[in-house]
């Protein structure tokens, strides 16, 4: 099985495919240099296989590559950031971290 994650700016979402079938997505909105990840979903029959983490990690890496900041509105995105603070905490603006119950950090 091959897994591919794609950035789809025309639909304002990141998408994850398995064997060329879309099995999940993460919706976002963007304002200035802040990208808000709003919602993540994986088709139930594909759940429990780590696809959501692959999807959100791809999205967060994409945000970093474009020198943007992230607002983790989506609870799953917030969980990934919380569990991987060394990798992703710096993407959340320091002025917004308290709102998401994240440490002031770096």
N, C-alpha and C. Protein backbone atom coordinates (compact mmCIF):
# COMPACT_ATOMS: atom_id res chain seq x y z
N UNK A 1 0.84 -1.19 0.00
CA UNK A 1 0.00 0.00 0.00
C UNK A 1 0.88 1.24 0.00
N UNK A 2 0.54 2.17 -0.86
CA UNK A 2 1.30 3.42 -0.88
C UNK A 2 0.44 4.53 -0.31
N UNK A 3 1.08 5.37 0.51
CA UNK A 3 0.40 6.51 1.13
C UNK A 3 1.03 7.77 0.58
N UNK A 4 0.19 8.73 0.21
CA UNK A 4 0.65 10.01 -0.30
C UNK A 4 -0.16 11.12 0.34
N UNK A 5 0.53 12.18 0.78
CA UNK A 5 -0.14 13.35 1.34
C UNK A 5 0.04 14.49 0.35
N UNK A 6 -1.03 15.22 0.11
CA UNK A 6 -1.01 16.31 -0.87
C UNK A 6 -1.54 17.60 -0.25
N UNK A 7 -0.99 18.69 -0.72
CA UNK A 7 -1.46 20.03 -0.38
C UNK A 7 -2.41 20.45 -1.49
N UNK A 8 -3.64 20.82 -1.14
CA UNK A 8 -4.65 21.20 -2.13
C UNK A 8 -5.13 22.62 -1.81
N UNK A 9 -4.38 23.64 -2.26
CA UNK A 9 -4.74 25.01 -1.92
C UNK A 9 -6.08 25.47 -2.51
N UNK A 10 -6.48 24.92 -3.63
CA UNK A 10 -7.75 25.35 -4.23
C UNK A 10 -8.94 24.96 -3.35
N UNK A 11 -8.80 23.90 -2.55
CA UNK A 11 -9.86 23.46 -1.64
C UNK A 11 -9.55 23.83 -0.18
N UNK A 12 -8.44 24.50 0.03
CA UNK A 12 -7.95 24.87 1.37
C UNK A 12 -7.93 23.66 2.30
N UNK A 13 -7.17 22.65 1.87
CA UNK A 13 -7.03 21.47 2.70
C UNK A 13 -5.79 20.67 2.29
N UNK A 14 -5.37 19.83 3.22
CA UNK A 14 -4.36 18.82 2.99
C UNK A 14 -5.12 17.51 2.87
N UNK A 15 -4.66 16.63 2.00
CA UNK A 15 -5.36 15.37 1.76
C UNK A 15 -4.39 14.21 1.86
N UNK A 16 -4.87 13.08 2.33
CA UNK A 16 -4.05 11.88 2.40
C UNK A 16 -4.73 10.79 1.59
N UNK A 17 -3.92 10.12 0.78
CA UNK A 17 -4.40 9.08 -0.14
C UNK A 17 -3.70 7.77 0.19
N UNK A 18 -4.44 6.69 0.05
CA UNK A 18 -3.86 5.36 0.12
C UNK A 18 -4.22 4.65 -1.17
N UNK A 19 -3.19 4.21 -1.87
CA UNK A 19 -3.40 3.58 -3.19
C UNK A 19 -4.30 4.44 -4.08
N UNK A 20 -4.00 5.73 -4.11
CA UNK A 20 -4.69 6.71 -4.97
C UNK A 20 -6.14 7.00 -4.57
N UNK A 21 -6.59 6.52 -3.42
CA UNK A 21 -7.94 6.80 -2.93
C UNK A 21 -7.82 7.76 -1.75
N UNK A 22 -8.53 8.89 -1.82
CA UNK A 22 -8.48 9.84 -0.71
C UNK A 22 -9.16 9.22 0.51
N UNK A 23 -8.40 9.15 1.62
CA UNK A 23 -8.91 8.53 2.83
C UNK A 23 -9.02 9.51 3.99
N UNK A 24 -8.57 10.75 3.78
CA UNK A 24 -8.68 11.74 4.84
C UNK A 24 -8.29 13.11 4.37
N UNK A 25 -8.58 14.09 5.22
CA UNK A 25 -8.27 15.47 4.89
C UNK A 25 -8.15 16.31 6.16
N UNK A 26 -7.51 17.46 6.01
CA UNK A 26 -7.40 18.45 7.07
C UNK A 26 -7.71 19.80 6.44
N UNK A 27 -8.81 20.40 6.87
CA UNK A 27 -9.22 21.70 6.35
C UNK A 27 -8.47 22.82 7.05
N UNK A 28 -8.26 23.91 6.33
CA UNK A 28 -7.60 25.07 6.94
C UNK A 28 -8.18 26.36 6.38
N UNK A 29 -7.87 27.44 7.08
CA UNK A 29 -8.10 28.79 6.56
C UNK A 29 -6.80 29.55 6.80
N UNK A 30 -6.62 30.60 6.02
CA UNK A 30 -5.37 31.35 6.14
C UNK A 30 -5.69 32.84 6.17
N UNK A 31 -4.99 33.53 7.06
CA UNK A 31 -5.11 34.99 7.16
C UNK A 31 -3.71 35.53 7.42
N UNK A 32 -3.18 36.27 6.47
CA UNK A 32 -1.83 36.78 6.61
C UNK A 32 -0.83 35.65 6.67
N UNK A 33 -0.02 35.64 7.73
CA UNK A 33 0.99 34.58 7.87
C UNK A 33 0.55 33.49 8.84
N UNK A 34 -0.75 33.42 9.14
CA UNK A 34 -1.27 32.42 10.06
C UNK A 34 -2.24 31.48 9.36
N UNK A 35 -1.92 30.20 9.45
CA UNK A 35 -2.77 29.18 8.88
C UNK A 35 -3.46 28.46 10.04
N UNK A 36 -4.78 28.49 10.04
CA UNK A 36 -5.56 27.82 11.08
C UNK A 36 -5.97 26.44 10.57
N UNK A 37 -5.50 25.40 11.26
CA UNK A 37 -5.95 24.04 10.93
C UNK A 37 -7.24 23.82 11.70
N UNK A 38 -8.32 23.61 10.95
CA UNK A 38 -9.67 23.64 11.51
C UNK A 38 -10.24 22.27 11.86
N UNK A 39 -9.97 21.28 11.03
CA UNK A 39 -10.65 19.99 11.19
C UNK A 39 -9.84 18.91 10.47
N UNK A 40 -9.71 17.78 11.13
CA UNK A 40 -9.03 16.63 10.52
C UNK A 40 -9.99 15.45 10.55
N UNK A 41 -10.05 14.73 9.45
CA UNK A 41 -10.87 13.51 9.44
C UNK A 41 -10.21 12.44 8.58
N UNK A 42 -10.35 11.22 9.06
CA UNK A 42 -9.90 10.04 8.34
C UNK A 42 -11.12 9.14 8.21
N UNK A 43 -11.34 8.57 7.04
CA UNK A 43 -12.45 7.65 6.84
C UNK A 43 -12.37 6.54 7.89
N UNK A 44 -13.51 6.22 8.52
CA UNK A 44 -13.49 5.24 9.63
C UNK A 44 -12.80 3.92 9.30
N UNK A 45 -12.97 3.43 8.10
CA UNK A 45 -12.37 2.14 7.76
C UNK A 45 -10.84 2.20 7.66
N UNK A 46 -10.28 3.42 7.68
CA UNK A 46 -8.83 3.59 7.62
C UNK A 46 -8.26 4.08 8.95
N UNK A 47 -9.09 4.18 9.96
CA UNK A 47 -8.67 4.68 11.26
C UNK A 47 -7.73 3.73 11.99
N UNK A 48 -7.00 4.28 12.95
CA UNK A 48 -6.14 3.49 13.79
C UNK A 48 -4.84 3.03 13.16
N UNK A 49 -4.48 3.64 12.03
CA UNK A 49 -3.26 3.22 11.32
C UNK A 49 -2.21 4.32 11.24
N UNK A 50 -2.44 5.42 11.97
CA UNK A 50 -1.47 6.50 11.98
C UNK A 50 -1.57 7.47 10.83
N UNK A 51 -2.62 7.36 10.03
CA UNK A 51 -2.75 8.24 8.86
C UNK A 51 -2.99 9.69 9.26
N UNK A 52 -3.76 9.91 10.32
CA UNK A 52 -4.03 11.29 10.76
C UNK A 52 -2.73 11.97 11.19
N UNK A 53 -1.88 11.25 11.88
CA UNK A 53 -0.61 11.84 12.31
C UNK A 53 0.26 12.14 11.10
N UNK A 54 0.31 11.25 10.12
CA UNK A 54 1.06 11.52 8.89
C UNK A 54 0.53 12.78 8.22
N UNK A 55 -0.77 12.91 8.15
CA UNK A 55 -1.42 14.05 7.50
C UNK A 55 -1.06 15.35 8.21
N UNK A 56 -1.21 15.37 9.53
CA UNK A 56 -0.95 16.61 10.27
C UNK A 56 0.54 16.93 10.31
N UNK A 57 1.38 15.93 10.42
CA UNK A 57 2.82 16.18 10.38
C UNK A 57 3.22 16.80 9.04
N UNK A 58 2.65 16.29 7.96
CA UNK A 58 2.90 16.87 6.63
C UNK A 58 2.44 18.34 6.61
N UNK A 59 1.24 18.60 7.13
CA UNK A 59 0.71 19.97 7.14
C UNK A 59 1.61 20.90 7.95
N UNK A 60 2.04 20.46 9.13
CA UNK A 60 2.89 21.30 9.97
C UNK A 60 4.25 21.52 9.32
N UNK A 61 4.80 20.52 8.68
CA UNK A 61 6.06 20.70 7.96
C UNK A 61 5.89 21.67 6.79
N UNK A 62 4.76 21.58 6.12
CA UNK A 62 4.44 22.50 5.02
C UNK A 62 4.37 23.94 5.55
N UNK A 63 3.72 24.12 6.68
CA UNK A 63 3.60 25.45 7.29
C UNK A 63 4.99 25.99 7.61
N UNK A 64 5.83 25.17 8.20
CA UNK A 64 7.20 25.60 8.52
C UNK A 64 7.96 25.97 7.25
N UNK A 65 7.87 25.15 6.23
CA UNK A 65 8.60 25.40 4.97
C UNK A 65 8.20 26.72 4.34
N UNK A 66 6.99 27.17 4.58
CA UNK A 66 6.50 28.42 3.99
C UNK A 66 6.60 29.59 4.96
N UNK A 67 7.27 29.37 6.08
CA UNK A 67 7.51 30.42 7.08
C UNK A 67 6.20 31.02 7.60
N UNK A 68 5.21 30.15 7.79
CA UNK A 68 3.93 30.55 8.34
C UNK A 68 3.85 30.14 9.81
N UNK A 69 2.81 30.60 10.48
CA UNK A 69 2.52 30.19 11.84
C UNK A 69 1.20 29.41 11.81
N UNK A 70 0.97 28.61 12.86
CA UNK A 70 -0.23 27.78 12.88
C UNK A 70 -1.08 28.10 14.11
N UNK A 71 -2.38 28.08 13.89
CA UNK A 71 -3.36 28.13 14.98
C UNK A 71 -4.03 26.76 14.98
N UNK A 72 -3.78 25.94 16.02
CA UNK A 72 -4.30 24.57 16.05
C UNK A 72 -5.74 24.51 16.58
N UNK A 73 -6.68 24.98 15.79
CA UNK A 73 -8.10 24.95 16.16
C UNK A 73 -8.58 23.51 16.27
N UNK A 74 -8.13 22.67 15.38
CA UNK A 74 -8.48 21.25 15.37
C UNK A 74 -7.88 20.57 16.60
N UNK A 75 -8.70 19.88 17.40
CA UNK A 75 -8.18 19.20 18.59
C UNK A 75 -7.08 18.18 18.28
N UNK A 76 -7.18 17.50 17.17
CA UNK A 76 -6.15 16.52 16.84
C UNK A 76 -4.82 17.22 16.52
N UNK A 77 -4.88 18.32 15.79
CA UNK A 77 -3.67 19.09 15.50
C UNK A 77 -3.03 19.56 16.79
N UNK A 78 -3.84 20.05 17.71
CA UNK A 78 -3.32 20.50 19.00
C UNK A 78 -2.65 19.34 19.73
N UNK A 79 -3.24 18.17 19.66
CA UNK A 79 -2.65 16.98 20.31
C UNK A 79 -1.29 16.65 19.71
N UNK A 80 -1.17 16.70 18.39
CA UNK A 80 0.11 16.41 17.75
C UNK A 80 1.16 17.43 18.20
N UNK A 81 0.79 18.69 18.26
CA UNK A 81 1.74 19.73 18.70
C UNK A 81 2.11 19.51 20.16
N UNK A 82 1.13 19.22 21.00
CA UNK A 82 1.39 19.00 22.42
C UNK A 82 2.32 17.81 22.63
N UNK A 83 2.13 16.75 21.88
CA UNK A 83 2.95 15.55 22.03
C UNK A 83 4.31 15.66 21.35
N UNK A 84 4.49 16.67 20.52
CA UNK A 84 5.74 16.85 19.77
C UNK A 84 6.21 18.30 19.85
N UNK A 85 6.26 18.82 21.06
CA UNK A 85 6.58 20.24 21.25
C UNK A 85 7.94 20.62 20.69
N UNK A 86 8.93 19.72 20.82
CA UNK A 86 10.26 20.04 20.30
C UNK A 86 10.22 20.29 18.80
N UNK A 87 9.32 19.62 18.11
CA UNK A 87 9.24 19.74 16.65
C UNK A 87 8.33 20.87 16.19
N UNK A 88 7.23 21.13 16.96
CA UNK A 88 6.19 22.00 16.39
C UNK A 88 5.74 23.19 17.24
N UNK A 89 6.10 23.25 18.51
CA UNK A 89 5.60 24.34 19.36
C UNK A 89 5.94 25.71 18.80
N UNK A 90 7.12 25.84 18.22
CA UNK A 90 7.54 27.14 17.70
C UNK A 90 6.67 27.64 16.56
N UNK A 91 5.86 26.78 15.96
CA UNK A 91 4.97 27.22 14.88
C UNK A 91 3.76 27.98 15.40
N UNK A 92 3.41 27.77 16.67
CA UNK A 92 2.26 28.46 17.27
C UNK A 92 2.77 29.80 17.79
N UNK A 93 2.15 30.91 17.37
CA UNK A 93 2.60 32.21 17.85
C UNK A 93 2.61 32.26 19.38
N UNK A 94 3.66 32.82 19.95
CA UNK A 94 3.77 32.86 21.41
C UNK A 94 2.59 33.59 22.04
N UNK A 95 2.03 34.55 21.33
CA UNK A 95 0.89 35.31 21.85
C UNK A 95 -0.40 34.50 21.86
N UNK A 96 -0.42 33.35 21.19
CA UNK A 96 -1.62 32.51 21.10
C UNK A 96 -1.51 31.22 21.92
N UNK A 97 -0.35 30.94 22.47
CA UNK A 97 -0.15 29.64 23.14
C UNK A 97 -1.04 29.46 24.36
N UNK A 98 -1.24 30.50 25.14
CA UNK A 98 -2.09 30.38 26.33
C UNK A 98 -3.51 29.97 25.91
N UNK A 99 -3.99 30.53 24.83
CA UNK A 99 -5.33 30.20 24.30
C UNK A 99 -5.49 28.70 24.07
N UNK A 100 -4.40 28.04 23.67
CA UNK A 100 -4.43 26.62 23.37
C UNK A 100 -3.86 25.76 24.50
N UNK A 101 -3.62 26.42 25.64
CA UNK A 101 -3.06 25.75 26.83
C UNK A 101 -1.70 25.09 26.52
N UNK A 102 -0.92 25.81 25.75
CA UNK A 102 0.44 25.37 25.42
C UNK A 102 1.43 26.20 26.23
N UNK A 103 2.59 25.63 26.54
CA UNK A 103 3.59 26.40 27.30
C UNK A 103 4.17 27.54 26.46
N UNK A 104 4.65 28.55 27.16
CA UNK A 104 5.26 29.70 26.48
C UNK A 104 6.42 29.23 25.60
N UNK A 105 7.21 28.30 26.10
CA UNK A 105 8.27 27.66 25.31
C UNK A 105 9.15 28.61 24.55
N UNK A 106 9.68 28.10 23.44
CA UNK A 106 10.64 28.86 22.63
C UNK A 106 9.97 29.82 21.71
